Amino acid sequence: MATYYFKIGTGEPFSANAVTGDEAVSKGEAVKSDSAPDGVEAWRMKYNFSTNAVDVYADGKDEAGAQAQRDAEDKTADDATKAADADRAAAAKADA
């Protein structure tokens, strides 16, 4: 396993560099993970804050398959965020 740093909020890869990563952690901009797999391109990884683990897109598949999986998961997350925003807006309007 390797050490990698991921952006707070999005879970996207930030850096594998310890100096840069530790500085971002101290500023509250990144989270450090010692469970990143070795030999996997950074774009295939994403930090899952629910499980505190690194998810790997389409591990063992070709690049097109990995990108399709990543895009589908990102769309699902975006749809969930939009639905939650709409619910909050409706609740705020009802309270007004």
Protein backbone atom coordinates (compact mmCIF):
# COMPACT_ATOMS: atom_id res chain seq x y z
CA MET A 1 0.00 0.00 0.00
CA ALA A 2 1.08 3.55 -0.70
CA THR A 3 0.49 6.89 0.96
CA TYR A 4 -1.59 9.35 -1.03
CA TYR A 5 -3.39 12.60 -0.26
CA PHE A 6 -6.95 13.39 -1.36
CA LYS A 7 -8.93 16.65 -1.53
CA ILE A 8 -11.37 17.30 1.30
CA GLY A 9 -14.96 17.39 0.08
CA THR A 10 -14.45 15.80 -3.31
CA GLY A 11 -12.15 12.89 -2.49
CA GLU A 12 -10.22 13.50 -5.71
CA PRO A 13 -6.49 12.77 -5.74
CA PHE A 14 -4.36 15.65 -4.47
CA SER A 15 -0.74 14.51 -4.33
CA ALA A 16 1.58 11.61 -3.60
CA ASN A 17 4.26 14.05 -2.42
CA ALA A 18 4.60 13.92 1.38
CA VAL A 19 5.72 17.55 1.80
CA THR A 20 2.93 18.99 -0.36
CA GLY A 21 0.36 16.57 1.04
CA ASP A 22 1.23 17.14 4.70
CA GLU A 23 1.06 20.90 4.15
CA ALA A 24 -2.42 20.54 2.61
CA VAL A 25 -3.51 18.33 5.53
CA SER A 26 -2.32 20.97 8.02
CA LYS A 27 -4.37 23.59 6.15
CA GLY A 28 -7.46 21.35 6.15
CA GLU A 29 -7.42 21.00 2.36
CA ALA A 30 -6.56 17.30 2.11
CA VAL A 31 -6.77 13.99 3.92
CA LYS A 32 -3.93 11.48 4.13
CA SER A 33 -4.48 7.81 3.32
CA ASP A 34 -1.97 5.03 3.81
CA SER A 35 -4.25 2.54 2.03
CA ALA A 36 -3.85 3.73 -1.57
CA PRO A 37 -2.93 0.83 -3.86
CA ASP A 38 0.54 0.76 -5.40
CA GLY A 39 0.88 1.12 -9.17
CA VAL A 40 -2.56 2.61 -9.85
CA GLU A 41 -2.89 5.87 -11.77
CA ALA A 42 -4.11 8.72 -9.58
CA TRP A 43 -7.20 9.42 -11.71
CA ARG A 44 -8.47 5.90 -10.97
CA MET A 45 -8.56 6.57 -7.22
CA LYS A 46 -11.03 8.46 -5.08
CA TYR A 47 -11.24 8.76 -1.30
CA ASN A 48 -14.52 7.51 0.13
CA PHE A 49 -15.28 9.54 3.26
CA SER A 50 -18.10 7.16 4.24
CA THR A 51 -15.78 4.20 4.57
CA ASN A 52 -12.48 6.08 5.09
CA ALA A 53 -10.96 4.01 2.31
CA VAL A 54 -9.65 4.52 -1.21
CA ASP A 55 -11.96 3.38 -4.00
CA VAL A 56 -10.41 2.35 -7.31
CA TYR A 57 -12.37 2.79 -10.53
CA ALA A 58 -12.58 -0.36 -12.62
CA ASP A 59 -9.56 -2.00 -11.07
CA GLY A 60 -8.19 -4.42 -13.67
CA LYS A 61 -10.31 -3.08 -16.56
CA ASP A 62 -9.21 -1.09 -19.56
CA GLU A 63 -9.11 2.70 -19.50
CA ALA A 64 -12.44 3.17 -21.32
CA GLY A 65 -14.21 0.92 -18.82
CA ALA A 66 -12.65 2.75 -15.87
CA GLN A 67 -13.66 6.14 -17.26
CA ALA A 68 -17.22 4.95 -17.90
CA GLN A 69 -17.48 3.67 -14.31
CA ARG A 70 -16.07 6.92 -12.91
CA ASP A 71 -18.45 9.04 -14.99
CA ALA A 72 -21.46 6.95 -13.96
CA GLU A 73 -20.56 7.19 -10.26
CA ASP A 74 -19.92 10.94 -10.53
CA LYS A 75 -23.31 11.45 -12.24
CA THR A 76 -25.06 9.49 -9.49
CA ALA A 77 -23.34 11.61 -6.84
CA ASP A 78 -24.20 14.83 -8.71
CA ASP A 79 -27.85 13.77 -9.00
CA ALA A 80 -28.01 13.03 -5.26
CA THR A 81 -26.47 16.43 -4.46
CA LYS A 82 -28.96 18.22 -6.73
CA ALA A 83 -31.88 16.39 -5.11
CA ALA A 84 -30.65 17.31 -1.62
CA ASP A 85 -30.21 20.95 -2.69
CA ALA A 86 -33.75 21.01 -4.09
CA ASP A 87 -35.11 19.54 -0.84
CA ARG A 88 -33.29 22.18 1.21
CA ALA A 89 -34.56 24.97 -1.05
CA ALA A 90 -38.14 23.68 -0.78
CA ALA A 91 -37.85 23.48 3.02
CA ALA A 92 -36.42 27.00 3.20
CA LYS A 93 -39.24 28.31 1.00
CA ALA A 94 -41.83 26.58 3.18
CA ASP A 95 -40.33 28.14 6.31
CA ALA A 96 -40.41 31.64 4.79
